[in-house]
Amino acid sequence: MEKQTLINLSMFTLRIILGVIFVAHGTQKLFGMFDGIGLEGTAKMIEGMGLSNPYSLALVWGCIEFVGGSFLMVGILARWCAVAIALTVLILLWKVNLVYGFFVQNGGFEYNLLIIGACVPVILLGGGSWSLWDV
């Protein structure tokens, strides 16, 4: 296979996997699906982090995950969606997971780093040629 085809396949695969993960998490936060806590529960969690306007932040957070994940899957504004997701996960790392150390089984930031690392190629390279609309 040609190198550019492999790059496009890699970016497509990465976008699909990230997208599925974040659509699932977004539906948990927005709609309470997949045993999620819904907007009210997400707002309570955000309030517990000491952030102001918890309901508004819960709505923004859920939309970043749901819409951002959906857009990643089809390749719409993939760079910007990856930036939004990476920043959201970075804030969670800082506000929630950092105090628990590295390993995810202890509540640590291992998963956060993996997601941020997966977003970096999309941020730097875009969604690839197999995107609908990537700038």
N, C-alpha and C. Protein backbone atom coordinates (compact mmCIF):
# COMPACT_ATOMS: atom_id res chain seq x y z
N MET A 1 0.83 -1.18 0.00
CA MET A 1 0.00 0.00 0.00
C MET A 1 0.88 1.25 0.00
N GLU A 2 0.39 2.29 -0.61
CA GLU A 2 1.09 3.56 -0.68
C GLU A 2 1.08 4.24 0.70
N LYS A 3 2.14 4.97 1.00
CA LYS A 3 2.29 5.60 2.32
C LYS A 3 1.12 6.53 2.64
N GLN A 4 0.69 7.35 1.69
CA GLN A 4 -0.42 8.27 1.95
C GLN A 4 -1.72 7.53 2.22
N THR A 5 -1.92 6.41 1.58
CA THR A 5 -3.11 5.59 1.83
C THR A 5 -3.07 5.04 3.26
N LEU A 6 -1.90 4.61 3.71
CA LEU A 6 -1.75 4.11 5.08
C LEU A 6 -1.99 5.22 6.09
N ILE A 7 -1.52 6.42 5.81
CA ILE A 7 -1.75 7.56 6.70
C ILE A 7 -3.25 7.85 6.78
N ASN A 8 -3.91 7.88 5.62
CA ASN A 8 -5.35 8.13 5.61
C ASN A 8 -6.12 7.05 6.36
N LEU A 9 -5.73 5.80 6.17
CA LEU A 9 -6.37 4.70 6.89
C LEU A 9 -6.14 4.83 8.40
N SER A 10 -4.92 5.20 8.77
CA SER A 10 -4.60 5.38 10.20
C SER A 10 -5.43 6.50 10.82
N MET A 11 -5.52 7.63 10.13
CA MET A 11 -6.27 8.76 10.66
C MET A 11 -7.77 8.43 10.72
N PHE A 12 -8.26 7.73 9.72
CA PHE A 12 -9.66 7.31 9.71
C PHE A 12 -9.94 6.40 10.90
N THR A 13 -9.09 5.41 11.11
CA THR A 13 -9.25 4.48 12.22
C THR A 13 -9.21 5.21 13.56
N LEU A 14 -8.26 6.09 13.72
CA LEU A 14 -8.12 6.86 14.96
C LEU A 14 -9.36 7.72 15.19
N ARG A 15 -9.85 8.37 14.15
CA ARG A 15 -11.05 9.21 14.27
C ARG A 15 -12.26 8.39 14.68
N ILE A 16 -12.41 7.22 14.06
CA ILE A 16 -13.58 6.37 14.37
C ILE A 16 -13.52 5.91 15.82
N ILE A 17 -12.38 5.43 16.26
CA ILE A 17 -12.25 4.93 17.63
C ILE A 17 -12.47 6.04 18.65
N LEU A 18 -11.80 7.18 18.47
CA LEU A 18 -12.02 8.31 19.38
C LEU A 18 -13.47 8.76 19.35
N GLY A 19 -14.04 8.82 18.16
CA GLY A 19 -15.42 9.25 18.02
C GLY A 19 -16.39 8.35 18.76
N VAL A 20 -16.25 7.06 18.60
CA VAL A 20 -17.15 6.11 19.27
C VAL A 20 -17.03 6.27 20.80
N ILE A 21 -15.81 6.37 21.30
CA ILE A 21 -15.60 6.54 22.74
C ILE A 21 -16.30 7.79 23.24
N PHE A 22 -16.14 8.90 22.52
CA PHE A 22 -16.69 10.15 23.02
C PHE A 22 -18.17 10.32 22.75
N VAL A 23 -18.71 9.72 21.71
CA VAL A 23 -20.16 9.72 21.54
C VAL A 23 -20.79 8.94 22.70
N ALA A 24 -20.21 7.81 23.06
CA ALA A 24 -20.73 7.01 24.17
C ALA A 24 -20.68 7.80 25.48
N HIS A 25 -19.55 8.44 25.76
CA HIS A 25 -19.43 9.23 27.00
C HIS A 25 -20.37 10.44 26.98
N GLY A 26 -20.51 11.05 25.82
CA GLY A 26 -21.41 12.19 25.70
C GLY A 26 -22.86 11.81 25.93
N THR A 27 -23.28 10.64 25.42
CA THR A 27 -24.65 10.20 25.65
C THR A 27 -24.89 9.87 27.12
N GLN A 28 -23.86 9.40 27.80
CA GLN A 28 -23.99 9.17 29.24
C GLN A 28 -24.25 10.50 29.97
N LYS A 29 -23.48 11.52 29.61
CA LYS A 29 -23.59 12.81 30.30
C LYS A 29 -24.84 13.59 29.90
N LEU A 30 -25.21 13.55 28.65
CA LEU A 30 -26.35 14.34 28.19
C LEU A 30 -27.69 13.65 28.44
N PHE A 31 -27.74 12.34 28.17
CA PHE A 31 -29.02 11.64 28.15
C PHE A 31 -29.15 10.52 29.19
N GLY A 32 -28.08 10.24 29.93
CA GLY A 32 -28.13 9.17 30.93
C GLY A 32 -28.11 7.78 30.33
N MET A 33 -27.78 7.66 29.05
CA MET A 33 -27.75 6.35 28.41
C MET A 33 -26.53 5.55 28.87
N PHE A 34 -26.53 4.27 28.63
CA PHE A 34 -25.41 3.37 28.97
C PHE A 34 -25.03 3.51 30.45
N ASP A 35 -26.03 3.50 31.30
CA ASP A 35 -25.84 3.63 32.76
C ASP A 35 -25.18 4.96 33.14
N GLY A 36 -25.40 5.99 32.34
CA GLY A 36 -24.82 7.30 32.61
C GLY A 36 -25.60 8.06 33.68
N ILE A 37 -25.04 9.21 34.06
CA ILE A 37 -25.62 9.99 35.15
C ILE A 37 -26.47 11.16 34.64
N GLY A 38 -26.52 11.37 33.35
CA GLY A 38 -27.33 12.44 32.78
C GLY A 38 -26.80 13.82 33.12
N LEU A 39 -27.52 14.83 32.66
CA LEU A 39 -27.08 16.21 32.87
C LEU A 39 -27.07 16.60 34.35
N GLU A 40 -28.09 16.20 35.07
CA GLU A 40 -28.15 16.55 36.50
C GLU A 40 -26.98 15.94 37.27
N GLY A 41 -26.72 14.67 37.02
CA GLY A 41 -25.60 14.01 37.70
C GLY A 41 -24.26 14.59 37.30
N THR A 42 -24.13 14.93 36.02
CA THR A 42 -22.88 15.55 35.55
C THR A 42 -22.70 16.91 36.19
N ALA A 43 -23.79 17.67 36.30
CA ALA A 43 -23.72 18.98 36.95
C ALA A 43 -23.31 18.84 38.42
N LYS A 44 -23.83 17.83 39.11
CA LYS A 44 -23.44 17.60 40.51
C LYS A 44 -21.96 17.23 40.61
N MET A 45 -21.48 16.44 39.66
CA MET A 45 -20.07 16.07 39.64
C MET A 45 -19.20 17.31 39.43
N ILE A 46 -19.60 18.16 38.52
CA ILE A 46 -18.85 19.39 38.23
C ILE A 46 -18.88 20.32 39.44
N GLU A 47 -20.03 20.40 40.10
CA GLU A 47 -20.14 21.21 41.31
C GLU A 47 -19.18 20.70 42.38
N GLY A 48 -19.04 19.37 42.47
CA GLY A 48 -18.11 18.76 43.42
C GLY A 48 -16.65 19.08 43.12
N MET A 49 -16.36 19.44 41.87
CA MET A 49 -15.00 19.84 41.49
C MET A 49 -14.71 21.28 41.88
N GLY A 50 -15.75 21.99 42.34
CA GLY A 50 -15.57 23.37 42.75
C GLY A 50 -15.66 24.37 41.60
N LEU A 51 -16.24 23.95 40.48
CA LEU A 51 -16.38 24.86 39.34
C LEU A 51 -17.74 25.54 39.39
N SER A 52 -17.79 26.78 38.92
CA SER A 52 -19.05 27.52 38.91
C SER A 52 -19.87 27.16 37.68
N ASN A 53 -21.15 27.51 37.71
CA ASN A 53 -22.10 27.21 36.63
C ASN A 53 -22.09 25.73 36.23
N PRO A 54 -22.31 24.85 37.18
CA PRO A 54 -22.16 23.42 36.88
C PRO A 54 -23.11 22.90 35.80
N TYR A 55 -24.35 23.39 35.76
CA TYR A 55 -25.29 22.87 34.75
C TYR A 55 -24.84 23.28 33.35
N SER A 56 -24.43 24.55 33.20
CA SER A 56 -23.95 25.02 31.89
C SER A 56 -22.70 24.26 31.46
N LEU A 57 -21.78 24.05 32.40
CA LEU A 57 -20.56 23.30 32.08
C LEU A 57 -20.88 21.85 31.74
N ALA A 58 -21.86 21.27 32.41
CA ALA A 58 -22.26 19.89 32.10
C ALA A 58 -22.80 19.80 30.68
N LEU A 59 -23.57 20.79 30.29
CA LEU A 59 -24.11 20.82 28.93
C LEU A 59 -22.99 20.98 27.90
N VAL A 60 -22.06 21.88 28.17
CA VAL A 60 -20.93 22.09 27.26
C VAL A 60 -20.07 20.83 27.19
N TRP A 61 -19.77 20.26 28.34
CA TRP A 61 -18.95 19.05 28.40
C TRP A 61 -19.60 17.91 27.62
N GLY A 62 -20.88 17.68 27.87
CA GLY A 62 -21.59 16.62 27.15
C GLY A 62 -21.62 16.87 25.65
N CYS A 63 -21.82 18.12 25.25
CA CYS A 63 -21.86 18.46 23.82
C CYS A 63 -20.49 18.31 23.17
N ILE A 64 -19.43 18.70 23.88
CA ILE A 64 -18.08 18.50 23.34
C ILE A 64 -17.86 17.03 23.07
N GLU A 65 -18.26 16.19 24.00
CA GLU A 65 -18.05 14.75 23.82
C GLU A 65 -18.97 14.18 22.74
N PHE A 66 -20.25 14.50 22.79
CA PHE A 66 -21.20 13.91 21.85
C PHE A 66 -21.03 14.47 20.43
N VAL A 67 -21.08 15.78 20.31
CA VAL A 67 -20.95 16.40 18.98
C VAL A 67 -19.52 16.25 18.46
N GLY A 68 -18.54 16.49 19.33
CA GLY A 68 -17.14 16.35 18.93
C GLY A 68 -16.83 14.94 18.47
N GLY A 69 -17.34 13.95 19.20
CA GLY A 69 -17.14 12.55 18.80
C GLY A 69 -17.82 12.23 17.49
N SER A 70 -19.04 12.74 17.31
CA SER A 70 -19.77 12.52 16.06
C SER A 70 -19.04 13.15 14.87
N PHE A 71 -18.59 14.38 15.06
CA PHE A 71 -17.86 15.07 14.00
C PHE A 71 -16.53 14.37 13.69
N LEU A 72 -15.86 13.87 14.72
CA LEU A 72 -14.61 13.14 14.48
C LEU A 72 -14.86 11.92 13.59
N MET A 73 -15.92 11.20 13.86
CA MET A 73 -16.18 9.98 13.10
C MET A 73 -16.34 10.25 11.62
N VAL A 74 -16.99 11.34 11.27
CA VAL A 74 -17.21 11.63 9.85
C VAL A 74 -16.18 12.59 9.29
N GLY A 75 -15.32 13.13 10.14
CA GLY A 75 -14.26 14.01 9.66
C GLY A 75 -14.71 15.43 9.40
N ILE A 76 -15.53 15.98 10.26
CA ILE A 76 -15.92 17.38 10.17
C ILE A 76 -15.17 18.14 11.25
N LEU A 77 -14.37 19.12 10.84
CA LEU A 77 -13.59 19.94 11.76
C LEU A 77 -12.81 19.08 12.77
N ALA A 78 -12.20 18.03 12.27
CA ALA A 78 -11.55 17.03 13.12
C ALA A 78 -10.49 17.65 14.04
N ARG A 79 -9.68 18.56 13.50
CA ARG A 79 -8.64 19.19 14.34
C ARG A 79 -9.26 19.90 15.53
N TRP A 80 -10.30 20.69 15.27
CA TRP A 80 -10.91 21.48 16.34
C TRP A 80 -11.64 20.60 17.34
N CYS A 81 -12.24 19.53 16.86
CA CYS A 81 -12.89 18.58 17.78
C CYS A 81 -11.85 17.89 18.66
N ALA A 82 -10.73 17.52 18.07
CA ALA A 82 -9.66 16.88 18.85
C ALA A 82 -9.08 17.85 19.88
N VAL A 83 -8.96 19.13 19.52
CA VAL A 83 -8.48 20.14 20.48
C VAL A 83 -9.46 20.24 21.64
N ALA A 84 -10.76 20.35 21.34
CA ALA A 84 -11.77 20.48 22.38
C ALA A 84 -11.79 19.26 23.30
N ILE A 85 -11.69 18.08 22.72
CA ILE A 85 -11.69 16.86 23.52
C ILE A 85 -10.42 16.78 24.38
N ALA A 86 -9.27 17.08 23.78
CA ALA A 86 -8.01 17.02 24.53
C ALA A 86 -8.02 18.02 25.69
N LEU A 87 -8.53 19.21 25.47
CA LEU A 87 -8.59 20.21 26.55
C LEU A 87 -9.55 19.78 27.66
N THR A 88 -10.67 19.20 27.28
CA THR A 88 -11.63 18.71 28.27
C THR A 88 -11.00 17.61 29.12
N VAL A 89 -10.32 16.69 28.46
CA VAL A 89 -9.67 15.58 29.18
C VAL A 89 -8.51 16.10 30.04
N LEU A 90 -7.81 17.11 29.56
CA LEU A 90 -6.73 17.71 30.35
C LEU A 90 -7.27 18.36 31.62
N ILE A 91 -8.40 19.04 31.51
CA ILE A 91 -9.02 19.65 32.70
C ILE A 91 -9.43 18.56 33.69
N LEU A 92 -10.00 17.46 33.19
CA LEU A 92 -10.35 16.34 34.07
C LEU A 92 -9.13 15.74 34.74
N LEU A 93 -8.05 15.61 33.97
CA LEU A 93 -6.80 15.11 34.54
C LEU A 93 -6.39 15.98 35.72
N TRP A 94 -6.43 17.28 35.52
CA TRP A 94 -6.00 18.24 36.54
C TRP A 94 -6.95 18.29 37.73
N LYS A 95 -8.27 18.34 37.46
CA LYS A 95 -9.25 18.54 38.53
C LYS A 95 -9.64 17.25 39.26
N VAL A 96 -9.47 16.09 38.61
CA VAL A 96 -9.97 14.85 39.20
C VAL A 96 -8.87 13.81 39.38
N ASN A 97 -8.21 13.43 38.30
CA ASN A 97 -7.38 12.22 38.31
C ASN A 97 -5.97 12.39 38.82
N LEU A 98 -5.41 13.57 38.78
CA LEU A 98 -4.01 13.77 39.13
C LEU A 98 -3.68 13.32 40.55
N VAL A 99 -4.57 13.58 41.48
CA VAL A 99 -4.31 13.23 42.88
C VAL A 99 -4.26 11.73 43.13
N TYR A 100 -4.79 10.94 42.19
CA TYR A 100 -4.84 9.49 42.37
C TYR A 100 -3.65 8.76 41.75
N GLY A 101 -2.70 9.51 41.21
CA GLY A 101 -1.52 8.89 40.62
C GLY A 101 -1.74 8.50 39.17
N PHE A 102 -0.89 7.63 38.68
CA PHE A 102 -0.87 7.30 37.26
C PHE A 102 -1.92 6.27 36.86
N PHE A 103 -2.03 5.17 37.57
CA PHE A 103 -2.78 4.01 37.09
C PHE A 103 -4.29 4.19 37.18
N VAL A 104 -4.97 3.82 36.11
CA VAL A 104 -6.41 4.01 35.99
C VAL A 104 -7.18 3.19 37.03
N GLN A 105 -6.69 2.03 37.43
CA GLN A 105 -7.42 1.22 38.41
C GLN A 105 -7.48 1.90 39.77
N ASN A 106 -6.63 2.90 40.00
CA ASN A 106 -6.66 3.67 41.23
C ASN A 106 -7.34 5.02 41.03
N GLY A 107 -7.93 5.24 39.85
CA GLY A 107 -8.55 6.52 39.54
C GLY A 107 -7.57 7.52 38.94
N GLY A 108 -6.40 7.04 38.55
CA GLY A 108 -5.34 7.91 38.05
C GLY A 108 -5.55 8.39 36.62
N PHE A 109 -4.52 9.06 36.10
CA PHE A 109 -4.63 9.79 34.84
C PHE A 109 -4.12 9.04 33.62
N GLU A 110 -3.89 7.75 33.72
CA GLU A 110 -3.39 6.94 32.61
C GLU A 110 -4.30 7.05 31.37
N TYR A 111 -5.61 6.90 31.54
CA TYR A 111 -6.57 6.98 30.45
C TYR A 111 -6.56 8.38 29.83
N ASN A 112 -6.48 9.40 30.68
CA ASN A 112 -6.45 10.77 30.19
C ASN A 112 -5.26 10.99 29.25
N LEU A 113 -4.10 10.50 29.64
CA LEU A 113 -2.91 10.64 28.80
C LEU A 113 -3.07 9.91 27.47
N LEU A 114 -3.68 8.75 27.52
CA LEU A 114 -3.91 7.98 26.29
C LEU A 114 -4.82 8.75 25.33
N ILE A 115 -5.88 9.32 25.84
CA ILE A 115 -6.80 10.10 24.99
C ILE A 115 -6.11 11.33 24.44
N ILE A 116 -5.38 12.06 25.27
CA ILE A 116 -4.65 13.24 24.80
C ILE A 116 -3.65 12.84 23.72
N GLY A 117 -2.93 11.76 23.95
CA GLY A 117 -1.97 11.27 22.97
C GLY A 117 -2.64 10.87 21.66
N ALA A 118 -3.83 10.31 21.73
CA ALA A 118 -4.56 9.94 20.51
C ALA A 118 -5.08 11.17 19.78
N CYS A 119 -5.33 12.24 20.50
CA CYS A 119 -5.81 13.48 19.87
C CYS A 119 -4.68 14.23 19.15
N VAL A 120 -3.45 14.08 19.62
CA VAL A 120 -2.34 14.85 19.05
C VAL A 120 -2.17 14.64 17.54
N PRO A 121 -2.15 13.41 17.03
CA PRO A 121 -2.02 13.27 15.57
C PRO A 121 -3.16 13.93 14.80
N VAL A 122 -4.36 13.87 15.32
CA VAL A 122 -5.49 14.51 14.64
C VAL A 122 -5.32 16.02 14.66
N ILE A 123 -4.84 16.56 15.79
CA ILE A 123 -4.60 18.00 15.89
C ILE A 123 -3.52 18.42 14.90
N LEU A 124 -2.44 17.66 14.82
CA LEU A 124 -1.31 18.04 13.97
C LEU A 124 -1.54 17.77 12.49
N LEU A 125 -2.19 16.65 12.17
CA LEU A 125 -2.34 16.23 10.77
C LEU A 125 -3.72 16.46 10.19
N GLY A 126 -4.69 16.74 11.05
CA GLY A 126 -6.06 16.82 10.57
C GLY A 126 -6.66 15.43 10.50
N GLY A 127 -7.85 15.36 9.96
CA GLY A 127 -8.56 14.09 9.90
C GLY A 127 -8.14 13.17 8.77
N GLY A 128 -7.34 13.66 7.86
CA GLY A 128 -6.93 12.85 6.72
C GLY A 128 -7.83 13.09 5.53
N SER A 129 -7.45 12.54 4.41
CA SER A 129 -8.20 12.75 3.16
C SER A 129 -9.60 12.14 3.20
N TRP A 130 -9.82 11.19 4.07
CA TRP A 130 -11.12 10.54 4.14
C TRP A 130 -12.05 11.26 5.12
N SER A 131 -11.94 12.57 5.17
CA SER A 131 -12.78 13.42 6.00
C SER A 131 -13.78 14.17 5.13
N LEU A 132 -14.94 14.48 5.70
CA LEU A 132 -15.92 15.26 4.95
C LEU A 132 -15.50 16.71 4.80
N TRP A 133 -15.08 17.31 5.92
CA TRP A 133 -14.72 18.73 5.89
C TRP A 133 -13.73 19.01 7.03
N ASP A 134 -12.49 19.10 6.69
CA ASP A 134 -11.47 19.32 7.71
C ASP A 134 -10.63 20.53 7.31
N VAL A 135 -10.54 21.46 8.23
CA VAL A 135 -9.73 22.66 7.99
C VAL A 135 -8.64 22.76 9.03
